[in-house]
Amino acid sequence: MIKHSPARTQHRNLRASTMLRGAVPTTLLTRMLGLALVAIAATLAMRTASAASGLCTSGARCTTEQSIADKARQLAGLTAALEVASMGYAQQHRIELSDQEFFSFSGVGALVCTVNGSPRVATAFLVGAFDLGVTVAHPFEEDGVWAKPEDCTYTSTDSTGQVRERIPVTAFKAQWQVEDGAYGATSKDFAVLRLAIPSNFAQRTMPLGRFSGSATSVSMIGFSSLDADTLKRKTQGTVYARNNSGTLMNQGFAHDMDSSDIASGAPVVDQRSGVIIGVHTRMSATERSAEGPPARNAMIIMNEWLEKALRVEMEATTTVANTAVK
């Protein structure tokens, strides 16, 4: 297991506000549901009215323009109903991080790179050292063009979503890029990054271990898009056991966590031990159809390449530190 470094001696207040954004009160959810039902009822009434007015006074159907206008009104009513309902659902199922969790997962950040002129975002987490991170490779390649370290930054945000630091990246190694035959294999969708300076915001690095292969209750912590939302998110669920044949799926283990608001690269944490047992990514369409799993979400686990790459980087860090002391 890749052990985490000790927590920093000076405990910082990781929360800028003492007021947590808790779950939506039951009365508010009830009101939202009521509004949604009213909007849906209005939409149904509108459809009935449209059907009644679908015949003109002469007994013939109304013009095409009238029919299109009716449908537009129906769509507007239905959209309003869905917006109200979805807002309540999203707020109800969003899990807030506690003060302790913000401390424990302060080593989770976002890697932002520019590829072919377009920004790409993935969740990344620090392992073994405050300037050494792990993430996934696939967001940072397009049409054979890979992100360059100088085009990447590691970003940390606090509990209010405020950006606390942006650190340039000096090295970026992807298994897809450096290992023959690895490109496109989801189980090898790993990347290791080196920061220009250690993170000052992170209070601890993350312990990365092995997964037993049994069904496990897990949590996932990560980011969505720093352009639209800079809050760190958390979701919970289950990582499934090996398939019926007893062998590991080529692309990794499937999980049922809602990843709609969390970018790939997020650490998957065993809720019992607090150890990272894998990394969230997405199954490729080809592998999904070949293996036939029910979902496109996957958890990939530490392989030999990742373990070796991390050990090499940590040994390099130790060597530099010893040289500096001398």
C-alpha atoms as a PDB file:
ATOM      1  CA  MET A   1       0.000   0.000   0.000  1.00  0.00           C
ATOM      2  CA  ILE A   2       1.192   3.515  -0.783  1.00  0.00           C
ATOM      3  CA  LYS A   3       0.998   5.174   2.627  1.00  0.00           C
ATOM      4  CA  HIS A   4      -0.124   8.731   3.147  1.00  0.00           C
ATOM      5  CA  SER A   5       2.120  11.322   4.710  1.00  0.00           C
ATOM      6  CA  PRO A   6       1.368  12.555   8.255  1.00  0.00           C
ATOM      7  CA  ALA A   7      -1.124  15.357   8.637  1.00  0.00           C
ATOM      8  CA  ARG A   8       0.390  18.800   8.878  1.00  0.00           C
ATOM      9  CA  THR A   9       1.065  19.828  12.487  1.00  0.00           C
ATOM     10  CA  GLN A  10      -0.815  23.094  12.230  1.00  0.00           C
ATOM     11  CA  HIS A  11      -4.479  22.305  11.705  1.00  0.00           C
ATOM     12  CA  ARG A  12      -6.034  24.947   9.516  1.00  0.00           C
ATOM     13  CA  ASN A  13      -9.642  25.864   9.420  1.00  0.00           C
ATOM     14  CA  LEU A  14     -10.712  24.317   6.141  1.00  0.00           C
ATOM     15  CA  ARG A  15     -14.152  25.825   6.293  1.00  0.00           C
ATOM     16  CA  ALA A  16     -14.578  29.509   5.616  1.00  0.00           C
ATOM     17  CA  SER A  17     -18.115  29.449   6.957  1.00  0.00           C
ATOM     18  CA  THR A  18     -19.595  27.668   9.967  1.00  0.00           C
ATOM     19  CA  MET A  19     -22.920  27.238   8.281  1.00  0.00           C
ATOM     20  CA  LEU A  20     -23.190  23.986   6.357  1.00  0.00           C
ATOM     21  CA  ARG A  21     -25.359  23.611   3.316  1.00  0.00           C
ATOM     22  CA  GLY A  22     -27.406  20.779   4.777  1.00  0.00           C
ATOM     23  CA  ALA A  23     -30.173  18.679   3.354  1.00  0.00           C
ATOM     24  CA  VAL A  24     -33.270  20.462   2.123  1.00  0.00           C
ATOM     25  CA  PRO A  25     -35.975  20.626   4.861  1.00  0.00           C
ATOM     26  CA  THR A  26     -38.934  18.285   4.440  1.00  0.00           C
ATOM     27  CA  THR A  27     -41.371  21.207   4.214  1.00  0.00           C
ATOM     28  CA  LEU A  28     -39.385  22.729   1.355  1.00  0.00           C
ATOM     29  CA  LEU A  29     -39.253  19.436  -0.523  1.00  0.00           C
ATOM     30  CA  THR A  30     -42.998  19.035  -0.030  1.00  0.00           C
ATOM     31  CA  ARG A  31     -43.552  22.523  -1.412  1.00  0.00           C
ATOM     32  CA  MET A  32     -41.324  21.761  -4.413  1.00  0.00           C
ATOM     33  CA  LEU A  33     -43.255  18.571  -5.095  1.00  0.00           C
ATOM     34  CA  GLY A  34     -46.511  20.475  -4.850  1.00  0.00           C
ATOM     35  CA  LEU A  35     -45.302  23.068  -7.340  1.00  0.00           C
ATOM     36  CA  ALA A  36     -44.195  20.328  -9.700  1.00  0.00           C
ATOM     37  CA  LEU A  37     -47.613  18.675  -9.506  1.00  0.00           C
ATOM     38  CA  VAL A  38     -49.313  22.002 -10.156  1.00  0.00           C
ATOM     39  CA  ALA A  39     -47.132  22.621 -13.194  1.00  0.00           C
ATOM     40  CA  ILE A  40     -47.800  19.134 -14.538  1.00  0.00           C
ATOM     41  CA  ALA A  41     -51.522  19.540 -13.938  1.00  0.00           C
ATOM     42  CA  ALA A  42     -51.426  22.852 -15.784  1.00  0.00           C
ATOM     43  CA  THR A  43     -49.623  21.184 -18.660  1.00  0.00           C
ATOM     44  CA  LEU A  44     -52.252  18.431 -18.841  1.00  0.00           C
ATOM     45  CA  ALA A  45     -55.012  21.013 -18.771  1.00  0.00           C
ATOM     46  CA  MET A  46     -53.276  22.910 -21.533  1.00  0.00           C
ATOM     47  CA  ARG A  47     -53.138  19.753 -23.625  1.00  0.00           C
ATOM     48  CA  THR A  48     -56.863  19.201 -23.078  1.00  0.00           C
ATOM     49  CA  ALA A  49     -57.580  22.781 -24.104  1.00  0.00           C
ATOM     50  CA  SER A  50     -55.415  22.383 -27.184  1.00  0.00           C
ATOM     51  CA  ALA A  51     -57.280  19.237 -28.140  1.00  0.00           C
ATOM     52  CA  ALA A  52     -60.600  21.009 -27.737  1.00  0.00           C
ATOM     53  CA  SER A  53     -59.479  23.969 -29.800  1.00  0.00           C
ATOM     54  CA  GLY A  54     -57.862  21.738 -32.382  1.00  0.00           C
ATOM     55  CA  LEU A  55     -61.056  22.006 -34.449  1.00  0.00           C
ATOM     56  CA  CYS A  56     -61.880  25.371 -35.962  1.00  0.00           C
ATOM     57  CA  THR A  57     -65.402  26.797 -36.154  1.00  0.00           C
ATOM     58  CA  SER A  58     -65.793  25.432 -39.653  1.00  0.00           C
ATOM     59  CA  GLY A  59     -65.174  21.888 -38.378  1.00  0.00           C
ATOM     60  CA  ALA A  60     -61.762  21.676 -40.020  1.00  0.00           C
ATOM     61  CA  ARG A  61     -58.492  21.493 -38.116  1.00  0.00           C
ATOM     62  CA  CYS A  62     -56.723  24.727 -37.207  1.00  0.00           C
ATOM     63  CA  THR A  63     -53.694  25.970 -39.100  1.00  0.00           C
ATOM     64  CA  THR A  64     -50.203  24.491 -38.700  1.00  0.00           C
ATOM     65  CA  GLU A  65     -49.067  27.705 -37.003  1.00  0.00           C
ATOM     66  CA  GLN A  66     -51.726  27.312 -34.315  1.00  0.00           C
ATOM     67  CA  SER A  67     -50.752  23.687 -33.739  1.00  0.00           C
ATOM     68  CA  ILE A  68     -47.064  24.597 -33.378  1.00  0.00           C
ATOM     69  CA  ALA A  69     -47.896  27.359 -30.911  1.00  0.00           C
ATOM     70  CA  ASP A  70     -49.970  24.950 -28.832  1.00  0.00           C
ATOM     71  CA  LYS A  71     -47.133  22.449 -28.729  1.00  0.00           C
ATOM     72  CA  ALA A  72     -44.691  25.181 -27.725  1.00  0.00           C
ATOM     73  CA  ARG A  73     -46.906  26.135 -24.786  1.00  0.00           C
ATOM     74  CA  GLN A  74     -47.177  22.477 -23.766  1.00  0.00           C
ATOM     75  CA  LEU A  75     -43.414  22.078 -23.880  1.00  0.00           C
ATOM     76  CA  ALA A  76     -42.867  25.230 -21.811  1.00  0.00           C
ATOM     77  CA  GLY A  77     -45.248  23.982 -19.126  1.00  0.00           C
ATOM     78  CA  LEU A  78     -43.656  20.559 -18.990  1.00  0.00           C
ATOM     79  CA  THR A  79     -40.149  22.055 -18.833  1.00  0.00           C
ATOM     80  CA  ALA A  80     -41.129  24.234 -15.871  1.00  0.00           C
ATOM     81  CA  ALA A  81     -42.514  21.207 -14.044  1.00  0.00           C
ATOM     82  CA  LEU A  82     -39.404  19.158 -14.658  1.00  0.00           C
ATOM     83  CA  GLU A  83     -37.117  22.004 -13.524  1.00  0.00           C
ATOM     84  CA  VAL A  84     -38.927  22.287 -10.199  1.00  0.00           C
ATOM     85  CA  ALA A  85     -38.903  18.536  -9.633  1.00  0.00           C
ATOM     86  CA  SER A  86     -35.278  18.048 -10.645  1.00  0.00           C
ATOM     87  CA  MET A  87     -34.102  20.924  -8.448  1.00  0.00           C
ATOM     88  CA  GLY A  88     -35.629  19.301  -5.381  1.00  0.00           C
ATOM     89  CA  TYR A  89     -34.226  15.870  -6.310  1.00  0.00           C
ATOM     90  CA  ALA A  90     -30.689  17.146  -6.848  1.00  0.00           C
ATOM     91  CA  GLN A  91     -30.592  19.071  -3.577  1.00  0.00           C
ATOM     92  CA  GLN A  92     -32.069  16.146  -1.682  1.00  0.00           C
ATOM     93  CA  HIS A  93     -29.396  13.687  -2.903  1.00  0.00           C
ATOM     94  CA  ARG A  94     -26.338  15.957  -2.700  1.00  0.00           C
ATOM     95  CA  ILE A  95     -24.113  14.809   0.184  1.00  0.00           C
ATOM     96  CA  GLU A  96     -22.263  17.522   2.063  1.00  0.00           C
ATOM     97  CA  LEU A  97     -18.738  16.980   3.359  1.00  0.00           C
ATOM     98  CA  SER A  98     -18.258  17.397   7.096  1.00  0.00           C
ATOM     99  CA  ASP A  99     -15.441  19.450   8.630  1.00  0.00           C
ATOM    100  CA  GLN A 100     -13.485  16.258   9.283  1.00  0.00           C
ATOM    101  CA  GLU A 101     -13.985  15.098   5.702  1.00  0.00           C
ATOM    102  CA  PHE A 102     -12.737  18.409   4.325  1.00  0.00           C
ATOM    103  CA  PHE A 103      -9.604  17.869   6.385  1.00  0.00           C
ATOM    104  CA  SER A 104      -9.246  14.218   5.361  1.00  0.00           C
ATOM    105  CA  PHE A 105      -9.804  14.950   1.675  1.00  0.00           C
ATOM    106  CA  SER A 106      -7.914  18.225   1.461  1.00  0.00           C
ATOM    107  CA  GLY A 107      -5.463  16.342  -0.757  1.00  0.00           C
ATOM    108  CA  VAL A 108      -8.120  16.004  -3.468  1.00  0.00           C
ATOM    109  CA  GLY A 109      -7.912  18.699  -6.137  1.00  0.00           C
ATOM    110  CA  ALA A 110      -8.546  19.274  -9.824  1.00  0.00           C
ATOM    111  CA  LEU A 111      -6.133  18.978 -12.713  1.00  0.00           C
ATOM    112  CA  VAL A 112      -6.890  21.482 -15.479  1.00  0.00           C
ATOM    113  CA  CYS A 113      -5.043  21.190 -18.798  1.00  0.00           C
ATOM    114  CA  THR A 114      -5.422  22.724 -22.232  1.00  0.00           C
ATOM    115  CA  VAL A 115      -5.510  20.256 -25.128  1.00  0.00           C
ATOM    116  CA  ASN A 116      -5.816  21.559 -28.680  1.00  0.00           C
ATOM    117  CA  GLY A 117      -6.936  24.898 -27.277  1.00  0.00           C
ATOM    118  CA  SER A 118      -9.735  23.431 -25.133  1.00  0.00           C
ATOM    119  CA  PRO A 119      -9.685  23.149 -21.310  1.00  0.00           C
ATOM    120  CA  ARG A 120      -9.957  19.655 -19.833  1.00  0.00           C
ATOM    121  CA  VAL A 121     -10.693  18.870 -16.182  1.00  0.00           C
ATOM    122  CA  ALA A 122     -10.167  15.743 -14.099  1.00  0.00           C
ATOM    123  CA  THR A 123     -10.123  15.090 -10.378  1.00  0.00           C
ATOM    124  CA  ALA A 124      -6.649  14.369  -8.975  1.00  0.00           C
ATOM    125  CA  PHE A 125      -5.387  13.401  -5.519  1.00  0.00           C
ATOM    126  CA  LEU A 126      -2.031  13.625  -3.765  1.00  0.00           C
ATOM    127  CA  VAL A 127      -0.278  10.353  -2.851  1.00  0.00           C
ATOM    128  CA  GLY A 128       2.906   9.920  -0.811  1.00  0.00           C
ATOM    129  CA  ALA A 129       4.037  13.537  -1.123  1.00  0.00           C
ATOM    130  CA  PHE A 130       2.425  16.955  -1.315  1.00  0.00           C
ATOM    131  CA  ASP A 131       3.705  17.478  -4.848  1.00  0.00           C
ATOM    132  CA  LEU A 132       2.836  14.046  -6.288  1.00  0.00           C
ATOM    133  CA  GLY A 133      -0.599  13.275  -7.686  1.00  0.00           C
ATOM    134  CA  VAL A 134      -2.648  10.554  -9.392  1.00  0.00           C
ATOM    135  CA  THR A 135      -5.418  11.027 -11.936  1.00  0.00           C
ATOM    136  CA  VAL A 136      -6.722   9.471 -15.166  1.00  0.00           C
ATOM    137  CA  ALA A 137      -5.228   9.856 -18.633  1.00  0.00           C
ATOM    138  CA  HIS A 138      -8.143   9.928 -21.077  1.00  0.00           C
ATOM    139  CA  PRO A 139      -9.302  13.568 -20.624  1.00  0.00           C
ATOM    140  CA  PHE A 140      -5.871  14.857 -21.609  1.00  0.00           C
ATOM    141  CA  GLU A 141      -5.532  13.346 -25.080  1.00  0.00           C
ATOM    142  CA  GLU A 142      -7.297  14.232 -28.292  1.00  0.00           C
ATOM    143  CA  ASP A 143      -6.545  12.904 -31.771  1.00  0.00           C
ATOM    144  CA  GLY A 144      -3.084  11.797 -30.698  1.00  0.00           C
ATOM    145  CA  VAL A 145      -2.220  15.126 -29.065  1.00  0.00           C
ATOM    146  CA  TRP A 146      -1.367  14.938 -25.360  1.00  0.00           C
ATOM    147  CA  ALA A 147      -1.485  17.722 -22.814  1.00  0.00           C
ATOM    148  CA  LYS A 148       1.916  19.197 -22.004  1.00  0.00           C
ATOM    149  CA  PRO A 149       2.909  19.761 -18.367  1.00  0.00           C
ATOM    150  CA  GLU A 150       3.328  23.492 -18.960  1.00  0.00           C
ATOM    151  CA  ASP A 151      -0.328  23.637 -20.051  1.00  0.00           C
ATOM    152  CA  CYS A 152      -1.595  22.097 -16.796  1.00  0.00           C
ATOM    153  CA  THR A 153      -2.309  23.357 -13.280  1.00  0.00           C
ATOM    154  CA  TYR A 154      -3.367  21.632 -10.067  1.00  0.00           C
ATOM    155  CA  THR A 155      -6.132  23.547  -8.283  1.00  0.00           C
ATOM    156  CA  SER A 156      -7.365  23.363  -4.674  1.00  0.00           C
ATOM    157  CA  THR A 157     -10.602  24.899  -3.405  1.00  0.00           C
ATOM    158  CA  ASP A 158     -12.048  25.318   0.085  1.00  0.00           C
ATOM    159  CA  SER A 159     -15.472  24.446   1.482  1.00  0.00           C
ATOM    160  CA  THR A 160     -17.076  27.531  -0.068  1.00  0.00           C
ATOM    161  CA  GLY A 161     -15.696  26.761  -3.512  1.00  0.00           C
ATOM    162  CA  GLN A 162     -13.079  29.514  -3.386  1.00  0.00           C
ATOM    163  CA  VAL A 163      -9.861  28.672  -5.225  1.00  0.00           C
ATOM    164  CA  ARG A 164      -7.046  28.565  -2.657  1.00  0.00           C
ATOM    165  CA  GLU A 165      -4.111  27.666  -4.883  1.00  0.00           C
ATOM    166  CA  ARG A 166      -3.130  26.983  -8.476  1.00  0.00           C
ATOM    167  CA  ILE A 167       0.136  25.092  -8.864  1.00  0.00           C
ATOM    168  CA  PRO A 168       1.905  24.551 -12.207  1.00  0.00           C
ATOM    169  CA  VAL A 169       2.615  20.966 -13.243  1.00  0.00           C
ATOM    170  CA  THR A 170       6.215  20.077 -14.133  1.00  0.00           C
ATOM    171  CA  ALA A 171       5.725  16.448 -15.220  1.00  0.00           C
ATOM    172  CA  PHE A 172       2.814  14.371 -16.527  1.00  0.00           C
ATOM    173  CA  LYS A 173       3.174  10.644 -17.260  1.00  0.00           C
ATOM    174  CA  ALA A 174       0.257   8.629 -18.659  1.00  0.00           C
ATOM    175  CA  GLN A 175       0.304   4.847 -18.934  1.00  0.00           C
ATOM    176  CA  TRP A 176      -1.602   5.119 -22.208  1.00  0.00           C
ATOM    177  CA  GLN A 177       1.196   7.261 -23.608  1.00  0.00           C
ATOM    178  CA  VAL A 178       4.351   5.514 -22.397  1.00  0.00           C
ATOM    179  CA  GLU A 179       3.423   1.810 -22.375  1.00  0.00           C
ATOM    180  CA  ASP A 180       3.118  -0.116 -25.627  1.00  0.00           C
ATOM    181  CA  GLY A 181      -0.362  -1.534 -26.159  1.00  0.00           C
ATOM    182  CA  ALA A 182      -1.875   0.303 -23.186  1.00  0.00           C
ATOM    183  CA  TYR A 183      -3.672   3.036 -25.129  1.00  0.00           C
ATOM    184  CA  GLY A 184      -7.451   2.746 -24.888  1.00  0.00           C
ATOM    185  CA  ALA A 185      -7.488   0.091 -22.156  1.00  0.00           C
ATOM    186  CA  THR A 186      -9.665   1.450 -19.359  1.00  0.00           C
ATOM    187  CA  SER A 187      -7.850  -0.588 -16.698  1.00  0.00           C
ATOM    188  CA  LYS A 188      -4.659   1.294 -17.658  1.00  0.00           C
ATOM    189  CA  ASP A 189      -6.218   4.753 -17.679  1.00  0.00           C
ATOM    190  CA  PHE A 190      -3.737   6.141 -15.132  1.00  0.00           C
ATOM    191  CA  ALA A 191      -1.556   9.232 -15.028  1.00  0.00           C
ATOM    192  CA  VAL A 192       0.961  10.512 -12.476  1.00  0.00           C
ATOM    193  CA  LEU A 193       1.758  14.205 -12.128  1.00  0.00           C
ATOM    194  CA  ARG A 194       4.472  16.196 -10.385  1.00  0.00           C
ATOM    195  CA  LEU A 195       3.750  19.696  -9.068  1.00  0.00           C
ATOM    196  CA  ALA A 196       6.198  22.582  -9.258  1.00  0.00           C
ATOM    197  CA  ILE A 197       5.895  23.111  -5.493  1.00  0.00           C
ATOM    198  CA  PRO A 198       4.193  21.123  -2.704  1.00  0.00           C
ATOM    199  CA  SER A 199       0.574  21.942  -2.021  1.00  0.00           C
ATOM    200  CA  ASN A 200       0.272  24.317   0.906  1.00  0.00           C
ATOM    201  CA  PHE A 201      -3.477  23.900   1.233  1.00  0.00           C
ATOM    202  CA  ALA A 202      -3.560  20.099   1.544  1.00  0.00           C
ATOM    203  CA  GLN A 203      -3.320  18.915   5.144  1.00  0.00           C
ATOM    204  CA  ARG A 204      -2.562  15.288   4.298  1.00  0.00           C
ATOM    205  CA  THR A 205      -1.914  13.025   1.335  1.00  0.00           C
ATOM    206  CA  MET A 206      -4.151  10.089   0.534  1.00  0.00           C
ATOM    207  CA  PRO A 207      -3.480   6.420   1.436  1.00  0.00           C
ATOM    208  CA  LEU A 208      -3.699   4.255  -1.707  1.00  0.00           C
ATOM    209  CA  GLY A 209      -4.146   0.497  -1.236  1.00  0.00           C
ATOM    210  CA  ARG A 210      -5.308  -2.696  -2.914  1.00  0.00           C
ATOM    211  CA  PHE A 211      -8.899  -3.796  -3.513  1.00  0.00           C
ATOM    212  CA  SER A 212      -9.936  -7.262  -2.297  1.00  0.00           C
ATOM    213  CA  GLY A 213     -12.411  -7.772  -5.124  1.00  0.00           C
ATOM    214  CA  SER A 214     -15.444  -8.221  -2.857  1.00  0.00           C
ATOM    215  CA  ALA A 215     -18.502  -5.971  -2.991  1.00  0.00           C
ATOM    216  CA  THR A 216     -17.711  -2.927  -0.861  1.00  0.00           C
ATOM    217  CA  SER A 217     -19.488   0.191   0.369  1.00  0.00           C
ATOM    218  CA  VAL A 218     -17.551   3.188  -0.906  1.00  0.00           C
ATOM    219  CA  SER A 219     -17.485   6.971  -1.183  1.00  0.00           C
ATOM    220  CA  MET A 220     -16.194   9.100  -4.032  1.00  0.00           C
ATOM    221  CA  ILE A 221     -14.927  12.669  -3.716  1.00  0.00           C
ATOM    222  CA  GLY A 222     -14.182  14.960  -6.637  1.00  0.00           C
ATOM    223  CA  PHE A 223     -14.973  17.959  -8.791  1.00  0.00           C
ATOM    224  CA  SER A 224     -17.306  18.667 -11.662  1.00  0.00           C
ATOM    225  CA  SER A 225     -16.097  21.592 -13.787  1.00  0.00           C
ATOM    226  CA  LEU A 226     -14.158  24.455 -12.268  1.00  0.00           C
ATOM    227  CA  ASP A 227     -15.735  26.806 -14.807  1.00  0.00           C
ATOM    228  CA  ALA A 228     -19.283  26.214 -13.580  1.00  0.00           C
ATOM    229  CA  ASP A 229     -18.863  24.747 -10.102  1.00  0.00           C
ATOM    230  CA  THR A 230     -15.793  24.812  -7.844  1.00  0.00           C
ATOM    231  CA  LEU A 231     -17.316  22.892  -4.921  1.00  0.00           C
ATOM    232  CA  LYS A 232     -15.902  19.533  -3.937  1.00  0.00           C
ATOM    233  CA  ARG A 233     -18.573  16.834  -4.173  1.00  0.00           C
ATOM    234  CA  LYS A 234     -19.198  13.503  -2.502  1.00  0.00           C
ATOM    235  CA  THR A 235     -21.322  10.529  -3.454  1.00  0.00           C
ATOM    236  CA  GLN A 236     -21.757   7.033  -2.022  1.00  0.00           C
ATOM    237  CA  GLY A 237     -22.576   3.596  -3.302  1.00  0.00           C
ATOM    238  CA  THR A 238     -21.205   0.110  -3.914  1.00  0.00           C
ATOM    239  CA  VAL A 239     -18.350  -1.325  -5.934  1.00  0.00           C
ATOM    240  CA  TYR A 240     -19.473  -4.687  -7.251  1.00  0.00           C
ATOM    241  CA  ALA A 241     -17.652  -7.980  -6.856  1.00  0.00           C
ATOM    242  CA  ARG A 242     -16.050  -9.886  -9.701  1.00  0.00           C
ATOM    243  CA  ASN A 243     -18.336 -11.099 -12.463  1.00  0.00           C
ATOM    244  CA  ASN A 244     -19.932 -14.540 -12.639  1.00  0.00           C
ATOM    245  CA  SER A 245     -16.917 -16.138 -14.287  1.00  0.00           C
ATOM    246  CA  GLY A 246     -14.776 -15.127 -11.324  1.00  0.00           C
ATOM    247  CA  THR A 247     -12.450 -12.974 -13.396  1.00  0.00           C
ATOM    248  CA  LEU A 248     -11.911  -9.256 -13.276  1.00  0.00           C
ATOM    249  CA  MET A 249     -13.560  -7.312 -16.070  1.00  0.00           C
ATOM    250  CA  ASN A 250     -10.935  -6.010 -18.469  1.00  0.00           C
ATOM    251  CA  GLN A 251     -11.971  -2.407 -17.871  1.00  0.00           C
ATOM    252  CA  GLY A 252     -12.217  -2.566 -14.080  1.00  0.00           C
ATOM    253  CA  PHE A 253     -14.907  -2.983 -11.458  1.00  0.00           C
ATOM    254  CA  ALA A 254     -18.372  -1.508 -11.983  1.00  0.00           C
ATOM    255  CA  HIS A 255     -19.888   0.788  -9.338  1.00  0.00           C
ATOM    256  CA  ASP A 256     -23.324   2.330  -8.871  1.00  0.00           C
ATOM    257  CA  MET A 257     -22.359   5.785  -7.555  1.00  0.00           C
ATOM    258  CA  ASP A 258     -23.896   8.820  -9.230  1.00  0.00           C
ATOM    259  CA  SER A 259     -20.986  10.346 -11.126  1.00  0.00           C
ATOM    260  CA  SER A 260     -22.978  12.882 -13.143  1.00  0.00           C
ATOM    261  CA  ASP A 261     -21.365  15.763 -11.216  1.00  0.00           C
ATOM    262  CA  ILE A 262     -17.928  14.252 -10.562  1.00  0.00           C
ATOM    263  CA  ALA A 263     -15.118  14.187 -13.095  1.00  0.00           C
ATOM    264  CA  SER A 264     -13.062  11.070 -13.745  1.00  0.00           C
ATOM    265  CA  GLY A 265      -9.982  10.639 -11.588  1.00  0.00           C
ATOM    266  CA  ALA A 266     -11.883  10.877  -8.299  1.00  0.00           C
ATOM    267  CA  PRO A 267     -10.600   8.590  -5.527  1.00  0.00           C
ATOM    268  CA  VAL A 268     -12.904   5.740  -4.497  1.00  0.00           C
ATOM    269  CA  VAL A 269     -12.607   5.267  -0.730  1.00  0.00           C
ATOM    270  CA  ASP A 270     -13.490   2.169   1.287  1.00  0.00           C
ATOM    271  CA  GLN A 271     -15.917   3.481   3.902  1.00  0.00           C
ATOM    272  CA  ARG A 272     -14.695   1.016   6.525  1.00  0.00           C
ATOM    273  CA  SER A 273     -10.940   1.575   6.278  1.00  0.00           C
ATOM    274  CA  GLY A 274     -10.738   5.076   4.774  1.00  0.00           C
ATOM    275  CA  VAL A 275      -8.202   3.795   2.225  1.00  0.00           C
ATOM    276  CA  ILE A 276      -8.438   4.578  -1.491  1.00  0.00           C
ATOM    277  CA  ILE A 277      -9.066   1.268  -3.265  1.00  0.00           C
ATOM    278  CA  GLY A 278      -9.475   2.607  -6.792  1.00  0.00           C
ATOM    279  CA  VAL A 279     -10.000   5.507  -9.153  1.00  0.00           C
ATOM    280  CA  HIS A 280     -13.261   6.461 -10.862  1.00  0.00           C
ATOM    281  CA  THR A 281     -13.268   6.503 -14.651  1.00  0.00           C
ATOM    282  CA  ARG A 282     -15.650   5.725 -17.493  1.00  0.00           C
ATOM    283  CA  MET A 283     -15.804   2.593 -19.578  1.00  0.00           C
ATOM    284  CA  SER A 284     -15.195   3.028 -23.272  1.00  0.00           C
ATOM    285  CA  ALA A 285     -18.105   2.237 -25.578  1.00  0.00           C
ATOM    286  CA  THR A 286     -16.142  -0.608 -27.163  1.00  0.00           C
ATOM    287  CA  GLU A 287     -15.319  -2.316 -23.895  1.00  0.00           C
ATOM    288  CA  ARG A 288     -18.826  -1.748 -22.561  1.00  0.00           C
ATOM    289  CA  SER A 289     -20.396  -3.545 -25.491  1.00  0.00           C
ATOM    290  CA  ALA A 290     -17.810  -6.343 -25.394  1.00  0.00           C
ATOM    291  CA  GLU A 291     -18.141  -7.089 -21.669  1.00  0.00           C
ATOM    292  CA  GLY A 292     -21.783  -6.139 -21.343  1.00  0.00           C
ATOM    293  CA  PRO A 293     -21.813  -4.499 -17.855  1.00  0.00           C
ATOM    294  CA  PRO A 294     -24.984  -2.602 -16.915  1.00  0.00           C
ATOM    295  CA  ALA A 295     -23.324   0.802 -16.462  1.00  0.00           C
ATOM    296  CA  ARG A 296     -20.575   2.890 -17.963  1.00  0.00           C
ATOM    297  CA  ASN A 297     -18.992   3.779 -14.605  1.00  0.00           C
ATOM    298  CA  ALA A 298     -15.875   1.895 -13.621  1.00  0.00           C
ATOM    299  CA  MET A 299     -13.391   1.790 -10.775  1.00  0.00           C
ATOM    300  CA  ILE A 300      -9.866   0.925 -11.873  1.00  0.00           C
ATOM    301  CA  ILE A 301      -7.434  -0.412  -9.315  1.00  0.00           C
ATOM    302  CA  MET A 302      -3.736   0.125  -8.752  1.00  0.00           C
ATOM    303  CA  ASN A 303      -1.681  -1.884 -11.234  1.00  0.00           C
ATOM    304  CA  GLU A 304       2.043  -2.577 -11.484  1.00  0.00           C
ATOM    305  CA  TRP A 305       2.697   0.440 -13.696  1.00  0.00           C
ATOM    306  CA  LEU A 306       1.066   2.882 -11.266  1.00  0.00           C
ATOM    307  CA  GLU A 307       2.764   1.385  -8.214  1.00  0.00           C
ATOM    308  CA  LYS A 308       6.174   1.506  -9.880  1.00  0.00           C
ATOM    309  CA  ALA A 309       5.661   5.063 -11.197  1.00  0.00           C
ATOM    310  CA  LEU A 310       4.711   6.314  -7.723  1.00  0.00           C
ATOM    311  CA  ARG A 311       7.647   4.590  -6.033  1.00  0.00           C
ATOM    312  CA  VAL A 312      10.098   6.016  -8.558  1.00  0.00           C
ATOM    313  CA  GLU A 313       8.748   9.528  -7.989  1.00  0.00           C
ATOM    314  CA  MET A 314       8.771   9.164  -4.196  1.00  0.00           C
ATOM    315  CA  GLU A 315      12.341   7.865  -4.231  1.00  0.00           C
ATOM    316  CA  ALA A 316      13.319  10.854  -6.361  1.00  0.00           C
ATOM    317  CA  THR A 317      11.693  13.144  -3.789  1.00  0.00           C
ATOM    318  CA  THR A 318      13.627  11.456  -0.962  1.00  0.00           C
ATOM    319  CA  THR A 319      16.901  11.762  -2.864  1.00  0.00           C
ATOM    320  CA  VAL A 320      16.378  15.461  -3.501  1.00  0.00           C
ATOM    321  CA  ALA A 321      15.465  16.039   0.152  1.00  0.00           C
ATOM    322  CA  ASN A 322      18.567  14.199   1.402  1.00  0.00           C
ATOM    323  CA  THR A 323      20.770  16.153  -0.988  1.00  0.00           C
ATOM    324  CA  ALA A 324      19.290  19.419   0.232  1.00  0.00           C
ATOM    325  CA  VAL A 325      20.004  18.479   3.851  1.00  0.00           C
ATOM    326  CA  LYS A 326      23.651  17.756   3.057  1.00  0.00           C
END
